[in-house]
PDB file of N, CA and C in Angstrom:
ATOM      1  N   MET A   1     -30.653  13.599  30.935  1.00  0.00           N
ATOM      2  CA  MET A   1     -30.980  13.822  29.542  1.00  0.00           C
ATOM      3  C   MET A   1     -29.772  13.446  28.696  1.00  0.00           C
ATOM      4  N   THR A   2     -29.997  12.629  27.697  1.00  0.00           N
ATOM      5  CA  THR A   2     -28.894  12.204  26.843  1.00  0.00           C
ATOM      6  C   THR A   2     -28.965  12.912  25.502  1.00  0.00           C
ATOM      7  N   HIS A   3     -27.790  13.231  24.981  1.00  0.00           N
ATOM      8  CA  HIS A   3     -27.669  13.860  23.670  1.00  0.00           C
ATOM      9  C   HIS A   3     -26.793  12.969  22.812  1.00  0.00           C
ATOM     10  N   ARG A   4     -27.330  12.506  21.718  1.00  0.00           N
ATOM     11  CA  ARG A   4     -26.564  11.600  20.863  1.00  0.00           C
ATOM     12  C   ARG A   4     -25.461  12.310  20.099  1.00  0.00           C
ATOM     13  N   ASN A   5     -25.650  13.562  19.744  1.00  0.00           N
ATOM     14  CA  ASN A   5     -24.680  14.258  18.909  1.00  0.00           C
ATOM     15  C   ASN A   5     -23.847  15.267  19.689  1.00  0.00           C
ATOM     16  N   ASN A   6     -23.736  15.102  20.967  1.00  0.00           N
ATOM     17  CA  ASN A   6     -22.958  16.015  21.788  1.00  0.00           C
ATOM     18  C   ASN A   6     -21.475  15.701  21.591  1.00  0.00           C
ATOM     19  N   THR A   7     -20.735  16.637  21.021  1.00  0.00           N
ATOM     20  CA  THR A   7     -19.316  16.387  20.725  1.00  0.00           C
ATOM     21  C   THR A   7     -18.462  16.360  21.986  1.00  0.00           C
ATOM     22  N   LEU A   8     -18.975  16.875  23.081  1.00  0.00           N
ATOM     23  CA  LEU A   8     -18.196  16.877  24.309  1.00  0.00           C
ATOM     24  C   LEU A   8     -18.187  15.513  24.990  1.00  0.00           C
ATOM     25  N   THR A   9     -19.174  14.687  24.720  1.00  0.00           N
ATOM     26  CA  THR A   9     -19.252  13.396  25.402  1.00  0.00           C
ATOM     27  C   THR A   9     -19.250  12.229  24.427  1.00  0.00           C
ATOM     28  N   LYS A  10     -18.545  12.360  23.312  1.00  0.00           N
ATOM     29  CA  LYS A  10     -18.470  11.250  22.360  1.00  0.00           C
ATOM     30  C   LYS A  10     -17.665  10.116  22.973  1.00  0.00           C
ATOM     31  N   HIS A  11     -18.167   8.920  22.793  1.00  0.00           N
ATOM     32  CA  HIS A  11     -17.469   7.740  23.281  1.00  0.00           C
ATOM     33  C   HIS A  11     -17.199   6.827  22.096  1.00  0.00           C
ATOM     34  N   TYR A  12     -15.973   6.360  22.032  1.00  0.00           N
ATOM     35  CA  TYR A  12     -15.586   5.456  20.963  1.00  0.00           C
ATOM     36  C   TYR A  12     -16.106   4.063  21.290  1.00  0.00           C
ATOM     37  N   GLN A  13     -16.780   3.441  20.360  1.00  0.00           N
ATOM     38  CA  GLN A  13     -17.263   2.079  20.552  1.00  0.00           C
ATOM     39  C   GLN A  13     -16.605   1.163  19.536  1.00  0.00           C
ATOM     40  N   GLN A  14     -16.154   0.031  20.029  1.00  0.00           N
ATOM     41  CA  GLN A  14     -15.543  -0.949  19.148  1.00  0.00           C
ATOM     42  C   GLN A  14     -16.599  -1.586  18.257  1.00  0.00           C
ATOM     43  N   LEU A  15     -16.170  -2.015  17.098  1.00  0.00           N
ATOM     44  CA  LEU A  15     -17.070  -2.751  16.218  1.00  0.00           C
ATOM     45  C   LEU A  15     -17.342  -4.128  16.809  1.00  0.00           C
ATOM     46  N   LYS A  16     -18.530  -4.585  16.638  1.00  0.00           N
ATOM     47  CA  LYS A  16     -18.902  -5.915  17.094  1.00  0.00           C
ATOM     48  C   LYS A  16     -18.592  -6.912  15.972  1.00  0.00           C
ATOM     49  N   PRO A  17     -18.425  -8.201  16.331  1.00  0.00           N
ATOM     50  CA  PRO A  17     -18.088  -9.195  15.298  1.00  0.00           C
ATOM     51  C   PRO A  17     -19.074  -9.212  14.131  1.00  0.00           C
ATOM     52  N   TYR A  18     -20.366  -9.053  14.391  1.00  0.00           N
ATOM     53  CA  TYR A  18     -21.326  -9.079  13.281  1.00  0.00           C
ATOM     54  C   TYR A  18     -21.152  -7.867  12.365  1.00  0.00           C
ATOM     55  N   GLU A  19     -20.678  -6.737  12.931  1.00  0.00           N
ATOM     56  CA  GLU A  19     -20.414  -5.565  12.093  1.00  0.00           C
ATOM     57  C   GLU A  19     -19.195  -5.805  11.210  1.00  0.00           C
ATOM     58  N   ARG A  20     -18.205  -6.494  11.755  1.00  0.00           N
ATOM     59  CA  ARG A  20     -17.024  -6.836  10.958  1.00  0.00           C
ATOM     60  C   ARG A  20     -17.403  -7.795   9.823  1.00  0.00           C
ATOM     61  N   ARG A  21     -18.288  -8.747  10.100  1.00  0.00           N
ATOM     62  CA  ARG A  21     -18.741  -9.663   9.043  1.00  0.00           C
ATOM     63  C   ARG A  21     -19.535  -8.903   7.976  1.00  0.00           C
ATOM     64  N   PHE A  22     -20.316  -7.898   8.406  1.00  0.00           N
ATOM     65  CA  PHE A  22     -21.056  -7.061   7.464  1.00  0.00           C
ATOM     66  C   PHE A  22     -20.076  -6.330   6.544  1.00  0.00           C
ATOM     67  N   ILE A  23     -19.020  -5.759   7.135  1.00  0.00           N
ATOM     68  CA  ILE A  23     -18.000  -5.055   6.355  1.00  0.00           C
ATOM     69  C   ILE A  23     -17.363  -6.014   5.349  1.00  0.00           C
ATOM     70  N   MET A  24     -17.012  -7.208   5.799  1.00  0.00           N
ATOM     71  CA  MET A  24     -16.366  -8.178   4.920  1.00  0.00           C
ATOM     72  C   MET A  24     -17.274  -8.533   3.733  1.00  0.00           C
ATOM     73  N   ALA A  25     -18.544  -8.750   4.019  1.00  0.00           N
ATOM     74  CA  ALA A  25     -19.480  -9.095   2.948  1.00  0.00           C
ATOM     75  C   ALA A  25     -19.635  -7.941   1.955  1.00  0.00           C
ATOM     76  N   ARG A  26     -19.700  -6.717   2.451  1.00  0.00           N
ATOM     77  CA  ARG A  26     -19.892  -5.565   1.571  1.00  0.00           C
ATOM     78  C   ARG A  26     -18.642  -5.265   0.757  1.00  0.00           C
ATOM     79  N   VAL A  27     -17.463  -5.472   1.343  1.00  0.00           N
ATOM     80  CA  VAL A  27     -16.218  -5.289   0.585  1.00  0.00           C
ATOM     81  C   VAL A  27     -16.188  -6.280  -0.571  1.00  0.00           C
ATOM     82  N   ARG A  28     -16.590  -7.501  -0.300  1.00  0.00           N
ATOM     83  CA  ARG A  28     -16.611  -8.528  -1.362  1.00  0.00           C
ATOM     84  C   ARG A  28     -17.656  -8.211  -2.423  1.00  0.00           C
ATOM     85  N   ASP A  29     -18.716  -7.488  -2.018  1.00  0.00           N
ATOM     86  CA  ASP A  29     -19.745  -7.061  -2.983  1.00  0.00           C
ATOM     87  C   ASP A  29     -19.314  -5.835  -3.785  1.00  0.00           C
ATOM     88  N   GLY A  30     -18.142  -5.259  -3.429  1.00  0.00           N
ATOM     89  CA  GLY A  30     -17.626  -4.113  -4.163  1.00  0.00           C
ATOM     90  C   GLY A  30     -18.072  -2.759  -3.627  1.00  0.00           C
ATOM     91  N   TRP A  31     -18.621  -2.720  -2.417  1.00  0.00           N
ATOM     92  CA  TRP A  31     -19.058  -1.449  -1.837  1.00  0.00           C
ATOM     93  C   TRP A  31     -17.845  -0.582  -1.504  1.00  0.00           C
ATOM     94  N   SER A  32     -18.008   0.718  -1.598  1.00  0.00           N
ATOM     95  CA  SER A  32     -16.949   1.660  -1.208  1.00  0.00           C
ATOM     96  C   SER A  32     -16.944   1.815   0.315  1.00  0.00           C
ATOM     97  N   ASP A  33     -15.834   2.338   0.836  1.00  0.00           N
ATOM     98  CA  ASP A  33     -15.726   2.598   2.275  1.00  0.00           C
ATOM     99  C   ASP A  33     -16.869   3.500   2.746  1.00  0.00           C
ATOM    100  N   ARG A  34     -17.149   4.538   1.972  1.00  0.00           N
ATOM    101  CA  ARG A  34     -18.193   5.498   2.369  1.00  0.00           C
ATOM    102  C   ARG A  34     -19.582   4.878   2.360  1.00  0.00           C
ATOM    103  N   ARG A  35     -19.831   4.011   1.423  1.00  0.00           N
ATOM    104  CA  ARG A  35     -21.145   3.364   1.375  1.00  0.00           C
ATOM    105  C   ARG A  35     -21.319   2.429   2.579  1.00  0.00           C
ATOM    106  N   ILE A  36     -20.263   1.720   2.923  1.00  0.00           N
ATOM    107  CA  ILE A  36     -20.303   0.863   4.116  1.00  0.00           C
ATOM    108  C   ILE A  36     -20.510   1.729   5.350  1.00  0.00           C
ATOM    109  N   ALA A  37     -19.780   2.839   5.426  1.00  0.00           N
ATOM    110  CA  ALA A  37     -19.887   3.734   6.578  1.00  0.00           C
ATOM    111  C   ALA A  37     -21.294   4.288   6.716  1.00  0.00           C
ATOM    112  N   HIS A  38     -21.941   4.559   5.604  1.00  0.00           N
ATOM    113  CA  HIS A  38     -23.303   5.076   5.646  1.00  0.00           C
ATOM    114  C   HIS A  38     -24.244   4.082   6.337  1.00  0.00           C
ATOM    115  N   GLU A  39     -23.955   2.793   6.210  1.00  0.00           N
ATOM    116  CA  GLU A  39     -24.780   1.762   6.833  1.00  0.00           C
ATOM    117  C   GLU A  39     -24.400   1.507   8.293  1.00  0.00           C
ATOM    118  N   LEU A  40     -23.141   1.753   8.653  1.00  0.00           N
ATOM    119  CA  LEU A  40     -22.678   1.382   9.996  1.00  0.00           C
ATOM    120  C   LEU A  40     -22.250   2.566  10.854  1.00  0.00           C
ATOM    121  N   ARG A  41     -21.086   3.110  10.535  1.00  0.00           N
ATOM    122  CA  ARG A  41     -20.443   4.110  11.392  1.00  0.00           C
ATOM    123  C   ARG A  41     -19.766   5.160  10.519  1.00  0.00           C
ATOM    124  N   SER A  42     -18.829   5.869  11.114  1.00  0.00           N
ATOM    125  CA  SER A  42     -18.150   6.949  10.403  1.00  0.00           C
ATOM    126  C   SER A  42     -17.166   6.406   9.368  1.00  0.00           C
ATOM    127  N   PRO A  43     -16.930   7.178   8.300  1.00  0.00           N
ATOM    128  CA  PRO A  43     -15.970   6.733   7.274  1.00  0.00           C
ATOM    129  C   PRO A  43     -14.570   6.485   7.828  1.00  0.00           C
ATOM    130  N   SER A  44     -14.134   7.303   8.789  1.00  0.00           N
ATOM    131  CA  SER A  44     -12.787   7.106   9.330  1.00  0.00           C
ATOM    132  C   SER A  44     -12.688   5.786  10.093  1.00  0.00           C
ATOM    133  N   MET A  45     -13.747   5.416  10.794  1.00  0.00           N
ATOM    134  CA  MET A  45     -13.725   4.147  11.523  1.00  0.00           C
ATOM    135  C   MET A  45     -13.666   2.968  10.539  1.00  0.00           C
ATOM    136  N   ILE A  46     -14.428   3.057   9.475  1.00  0.00           N
ATOM    137  CA  ILE A  46     -14.429   1.981   8.486  1.00  0.00           C
ATOM    138  C   ILE A  46     -13.064   1.890   7.812  1.00  0.00           C
ATOM    139  N   SER A  47     -12.476   3.043   7.510  1.00  0.00           N
ATOM    140  CA  SER A  47     -11.148   3.070   6.893  1.00  0.00           C
ATOM    141  C   SER A  47     -10.109   2.418   7.804  1.00  0.00           C
ATOM    142  N   ARG A  48     -10.133   2.770   9.085  1.00  0.00           N
ATOM    143  CA  ARG A  48      -9.190   2.163  10.040  1.00  0.00           C
ATOM    144  C   ARG A  48      -9.424   0.659  10.150  1.00  0.00           C
ATOM    145  N   GLU A  49     -10.688   0.275  10.186  1.00  0.00           N
ATOM    146  CA  GLU A  49     -11.018  -1.150  10.293  1.00  0.00           C
ATOM    147  C   GLU A  49     -10.512  -1.924   9.083  1.00  0.00           C
ATOM    148  N   LEU A  50     -10.684  -1.356   7.907  1.00  0.00           N
ATOM    149  CA  LEU A  50     -10.215  -2.033   6.694  1.00  0.00           C
ATOM    150  C   LEU A  50      -8.698  -2.136   6.677  1.00  0.00           C
ATOM    151  N   ARG A  51      -8.006  -1.106   7.159  1.00  0.00           N
ATOM    152  CA  ARG A  51      -6.543  -1.172   7.255  1.00  0.00           C
ATOM    153  C   ARG A  51      -6.116  -2.260   8.230  1.00  0.00           C
ATOM    154  N   ARG A  52      -6.815  -2.333   9.346  1.00  0.00           N
ATOM    155  CA  ARG A  52      -6.459  -3.278  10.401  1.00  0.00           C
ATOM    156  C   ARG A  52      -6.691  -4.729   9.966  1.00  0.00           C
ATOM    157  N   GLY A  53      -7.787  -4.985   9.268  1.00  0.00           N
ATOM    158  CA  GLY A  53      -8.152  -6.357   8.963  1.00  0.00           C
ATOM    159  C   GLY A  53      -7.783  -6.835   7.575  1.00  0.00           C
ATOM    160  N   THR A  54      -7.083  -6.006   6.816  1.00  0.00           N
ATOM    161  CA  THR A  54      -6.702  -6.401   5.458  1.00  0.00           C
ATOM    162  C   THR A  54      -5.328  -7.046   5.485  1.00  0.00           C
ATOM    163  N   VAL A  55      -5.245  -8.207   4.863  1.00  0.00           N
ATOM    164  CA  VAL A  55      -3.984  -8.942   4.814  1.00  0.00           C
ATOM    165  C   VAL A  55      -3.618  -9.227   3.362  1.00  0.00           C
ATOM    166  N   CYS A  56      -2.344  -9.427   3.143  1.00  0.00           N
ATOM    167  CA  CYS A  56      -1.853  -9.761   1.809  1.00  0.00           C
ATOM    168  C   CYS A  56      -1.664 -11.280   1.746  1.00  0.00           C
ATOM    169  N   GLN A  57      -2.219 -11.869   0.711  1.00  0.00           N
ATOM    170  CA  GLN A  57      -2.095 -13.309   0.512  1.00  0.00           C
ATOM    171  C   GLN A  57      -1.643 -13.588  -0.917  1.00  0.00           C
ATOM    172  N   ILE A  58      -1.201 -14.804  -1.117  1.00  0.00           N
ATOM    173  CA  ILE A  58      -0.864 -15.230  -2.469  1.00  0.00           C
ATOM    174  C   ILE A  58      -2.128 -15.860  -3.059  1.00  0.00           C
ATOM    175  N   GLY A  59      -2.587 -15.300  -4.157  1.00  0.00           N
ATOM    176  CA  GLY A  59      -3.809 -15.773  -4.798  1.00  0.00           C
ATOM    177  C   GLY A  59      -3.588 -17.036  -5.595  1.00  0.00           C
ATOM    178  N   PRO A  60      -4.671 -17.562  -6.174  1.00  0.00           N
ATOM    179  CA  PRO A  60      -4.558 -18.799  -6.956  1.00  0.00           C
ATOM    180  C   PRO A  60      -3.657 -18.644  -8.185  1.00  0.00           C
ATOM    181  N   ASN A  61      -3.487 -17.415  -8.651  1.00  0.00           N
ATOM    182  CA  ASN A  61      -2.610 -17.174  -9.806  1.00  0.00           C
ATOM    183  C   ASN A  61      -1.167 -16.907  -9.382  1.00  0.00           C
ATOM    184  N   LYS A  62      -0.871 -17.190  -8.116  1.00  0.00           N
ATOM    185  CA  LYS A  62       0.475 -17.022  -7.537  1.00  0.00           C
ATOM    186  C   LYS A  62       0.895 -15.558  -7.422  1.00  0.00           C
ATOM    187  N   LYS A  63      -0.066 -14.637  -7.508  1.00  0.00           N
ATOM    188  CA  LYS A  63       0.223 -13.216  -7.347  1.00  0.00           C
ATOM    189  C   LYS A  63      -0.367 -12.732  -6.030  1.00  0.00           C
ATOM    190  N   PRO A  64       0.321 -11.775  -5.382  1.00  0.00           N
ATOM    191  CA  PRO A  64      -0.204 -11.271  -4.110  1.00  0.00           C
ATOM    192  C   PRO A  64      -1.517 -10.505  -4.309  1.00  0.00           C
ATOM    193  N   CYS A  65      -2.420 -10.695  -3.359  1.00  0.00           N
ATOM    194  CA  CYS A  65      -3.667  -9.935  -3.372  1.00  0.00           C
ATOM    195  C   CYS A  65      -4.009  -9.584  -1.923  1.00  0.00           C
ATOM    196  N   THR A  66      -4.737  -8.514  -1.746  1.00  0.00           N
ATOM    197  CA  THR A  66      -5.133  -8.099  -0.406  1.00  0.00           C
ATOM    198  C   THR A  66      -6.623  -8.331  -0.222  1.00  0.00           C
ATOM    199  N   LYS A  67      -6.979  -8.814   0.976  1.00  0.00           N
ATOM    200  CA  LYS A  67      -8.373  -9.076   1.309  1.00  0.00           C
ATOM    201  C   LYS A  67      -8.620  -8.704   2.762  1.00  0.00           C
ATOM    202  N   TYR A  68      -9.842  -8.247   3.025  1.00  0.00           N
ATOM    203  CA  TYR A  68     -10.267  -7.954   4.395  1.00  0.00           C
ATOM    204  C   TYR A  68     -10.908  -9.208   4.971  1.00  0.00           C
ATOM    205  N   PHE A  69     -10.492  -9.564   6.176  1.00  0.00           N
ATOM    206  CA  PHE A  69     -11.070 -10.701   6.879  1.00  0.00           C
ATOM    207  C   PHE A  69     -11.564 -10.251   8.249  1.00  0.00           C
ATOM    208  N   ALA A  70     -12.834 -10.479   8.512  1.00  0.00           N
ATOM    209  CA  ALA A  70     -13.437 -10.079   9.788  1.00  0.00           C
ATOM    210  C   ALA A  70     -12.753 -10.780  10.956  1.00  0.00           C
ATOM    211  N   ASP A  71     -12.423 -12.050  10.801  1.00  0.00           N
ATOM    212  CA  ASP A  71     -11.778 -12.801  11.882  1.00  0.00           C
ATOM    213  C   ASP A  71     -10.399 -12.232  12.214  1.00  0.00           C
ATOM    214  N   THR A  72      -9.657 -11.849  11.189  1.00  0.00           N
ATOM    215  CA  THR A  72      -8.338 -11.249  11.406  1.00  0.00           C
ATOM    216  C   THR A  72      -8.468  -9.949  12.182  1.00  0.00           C
ATOM    217  N   ALA A  73      -9.406  -9.104  11.765  1.00  0.00           N
ATOM    218  CA  ALA A  73      -9.622  -7.825  12.447  1.00  0.00           C
ATOM    219  C   ALA A  73     -10.033  -8.054  13.898  1.00  0.00           C
ATOM    220  N   GLN A  74     -10.888  -9.050  14.150  1.00  0.00           N
ATOM    221  CA  GLN A  74     -11.329  -9.340  15.518  1.00  0.00           C
ATOM    222  C   GLN A  74     -10.165  -9.822  16.374  1.00  0.00           C
ATOM    223  N   LEU A  75      -9.308 -10.686  15.819  1.00  0.00           N
ATOM    224  CA  LEU A  75      -8.147 -11.172  16.578  1.00  0.00           C
ATOM    225  C   LEU A  75      -7.180 -10.042  16.908  1.00  0.00           C
ATOM    226  N   ILE A  76      -6.961  -9.147  15.964  1.00  0.00           N
ATOM    227  CA  ILE A  76      -6.071  -8.005  16.213  1.00  0.00           C
ATOM    228  C   ILE A  76      -6.656  -7.126  17.306  1.00  0.00           C
ATOM    229  N   TYR A  77      -7.978  -6.895  17.258  1.00  0.00           N
ATOM    230  CA  TYR A  77      -8.635  -6.103  18.300  1.00  0.00           C
ATOM    231  C   TYR A  77      -8.457  -6.765  19.669  1.00  0.00           C
ATOM    232  N   GLU A  78      -8.703  -8.082  19.750  1.00  0.00           N
ATOM    233  CA  GLU A  78      -8.588  -8.782  21.030  1.00  0.00           C
ATOM    234  C   GLU A  78      -7.161  -8.756  21.559  1.00  0.00           C
ATOM    235  N   LYS A  79      -6.186  -8.910  20.682  1.00  0.00           N
ATOM    236  CA  LYS A  79      -4.785  -8.867  21.099  1.00  0.00           C
ATOM    237  C   LYS A  79      -4.428  -7.484  21.625  1.00  0.00           C
ATOM    238  N   THR A  80      -4.898  -6.451  20.939  1.00  0.00           N
ATOM    239  CA  THR A  80      -4.639  -5.076  21.378  1.00  0.00           C
ATOM    240  C   THR A  80      -5.267  -4.812  22.741  1.00  0.00           C
ATOM    241  N   GLU A  81      -6.496  -5.291  22.936  1.00  0.00           N
ATOM    242  CA  GLU A  81      -7.185  -5.114  24.220  1.00  0.00           C
ATOM    243  C   GLU A  81      -6.444  -5.822  25.342  1.00  0.00           C
ATOM    244  N   LEU A  82      -5.930  -7.025  25.075  1.00  0.00           N
ATOM    245  CA  LEU A  82      -5.185  -7.779  26.075  1.00  0.00           C
ATOM    246  C   LEU A  82      -3.914  -7.031  26.469  1.00  0.00           C
ATOM    247  N   ILE A  83      -3.187  -6.540  25.484  1.00  0.00           N
ATOM    248  CA  ILE A  83      -1.961  -5.784  25.765  1.00  0.00           C
ATOM    249  C   ILE A  83      -2.284  -4.542  26.577  1.00  0.00           C
ATOM    250  N   HIS A  84      -3.366  -3.841  26.205  1.00  0.00           N
ATOM    251  CA  HIS A  84      -3.771  -2.635  26.934  1.00  0.00           C
ATOM    252  C   HIS A  84      -4.104  -2.984  28.388  1.00  0.00           C
ATOM    253  N   ALA A  85      -4.849  -4.061  28.600  1.00  0.00           N
ATOM    254  CA  ALA A  85      -5.220  -4.465  29.958  1.00  0.00           C
ATOM    255  C   ALA A  85      -3.973  -4.812  30.776  1.00  0.00           C
ATOM    256  N   GLN A  86      -3.005  -5.469  30.155  1.00  0.00           N
ATOM    257  CA  GLN A  86      -1.772  -5.810  30.860  1.00  0.00           C
ATOM    258  C   GLN A  86      -1.002  -4.550  31.228  1.00  0.00           C
ATOM    259  N   LEU A  87      -0.958  -3.572  30.321  1.00  0.00           N
ATOM    260  CA  LEU A  87      -0.248  -2.329  30.609  1.00  0.00           C
ATOM    261  C   LEU A  87      -0.936  -1.542  31.716  1.00  0.00           C
ATOM    262  N   VAL A  88      -2.250  -1.525  31.724  1.00  0.00           N
ATOM    263  CA  VAL A  88      -2.994  -0.836  32.783  1.00  0.00           C
ATOM    264  C   VAL A  88      -2.715  -1.511  34.119  1.00  0.00           C
ATOM    265  N   GLY A  89      -2.734  -2.841  34.131  1.00  0.00           N
ATOM    266  CA  GLY A  89      -2.443  -3.583  35.360  1.00  0.00           C
ATOM    267  C   GLY A  89      -1.032  -3.318  35.854  1.00  0.00           C
ATOM    268  N   LEU A  90      -0.077  -3.293  34.935  1.00  0.00           N
ATOM    269  CA  LEU A  90       1.311  -3.007  35.299  1.00  0.00           C
ATOM    270  C   LEU A  90       1.439  -1.594  35.842  1.00  0.00           C
ATOM    271  N   SER A  91       0.758  -0.650  35.220  1.00  0.00           N
ATOM    272  CA  SER A  91       0.786   0.742  35.678  1.00  0.00           C
ATOM    273  C   SER A  91       0.235   0.859  37.094  1.00  0.00           C
ATOM    274  N   LYS A  92      -0.862   0.168  37.376  1.00  0.00           N
ATOM    275  CA  LYS A  92      -1.444   0.206  38.730  1.00  0.00           C
ATOM    276  C   LYS A  92      -0.487  -0.410  39.742  1.00  0.00           C
ATOM    277  N   LEU A  93       0.171  -1.491  39.351  1.00  0.00           N
ATOM    278  CA  LEU A  93       1.127  -2.140  40.241  1.00  0.00           C
ATOM    279  C   LEU A  93       2.294  -1.205  40.539  1.00  0.00           C
ATOM    280  N   LEU A  94       2.816  -0.565  39.503  1.00  0.00           N
ATOM    281  CA  LEU A  94       3.937   0.365  39.711  1.00  0.00           C
ATOM    282  C   LEU A  94       3.510   1.551  40.573  1.00  0.00           C
ATOM    283  N   ASN A  95       2.309   2.052  40.359  1.00  0.00           N
ATOM    284  CA  ASN A  95       1.820   3.162  41.169  1.00  0.00           C
ATOM    285  C   ASN A  95       1.673   2.773  42.629  1.00  0.00           C
ATOM    286  N   SER A  96       1.331   1.520  42.893  1.00  0.00           N
ATOM    287  CA  SER A  96       1.196   1.092  44.296  1.00  0.00           C
ATOM    288  C   SER A  96       2.550   1.081  44.988  1.00  0.00           C
ATOM    289  N   PHE A  97       3.636   0.835  44.238  1.00  0.00           N
ATOM    290  CA  PHE A  97       4.968   0.871  44.844  1.00  0.00           C
ATOM    291  C   PHE A  97       5.405   2.318  45.096  1.00  0.00           C
ATOM    292  N   VAL A  98       5.046   3.214  44.209  1.00  0.00           N
ATOM    293  CA  VAL A  98       5.451   4.607  44.329  1.00  0.00           C
ATOM    294  C   VAL A  98       4.683   5.289  45.453  1.00  0.00           C
ATOM    295  N   ASN A  99       3.396   5.024  45.515  1.00  0.00           N
ATOM    296  CA  ASN A  99       2.563   5.674  46.542  1.00  0.00           C
ATOM    297  C   ASN A  99       2.616   4.860  47.775  1.00  0.00           C
TER     298      ASN A  99
END
């Protein structure tokens, strides 16, 4: 029997690329973080995602501006996953020497 709202067995799920593109489109439409979260996931996840994928660029008026890019957020996620996988592999290797 599965329970969707069981706080004891919550599992974190990464955003999929199409969800990141949805976020990017809604940010450009002027939606708030909470309104986006209402359509997708929790407000804290959307807030973290926007922090992760927002970059500062020089705009056409030569002034800095910040924008969220789905591709940037996806690349950061993939890089983080790769580093995590390498650390897990290194940890297993070190444990094999100790044991």
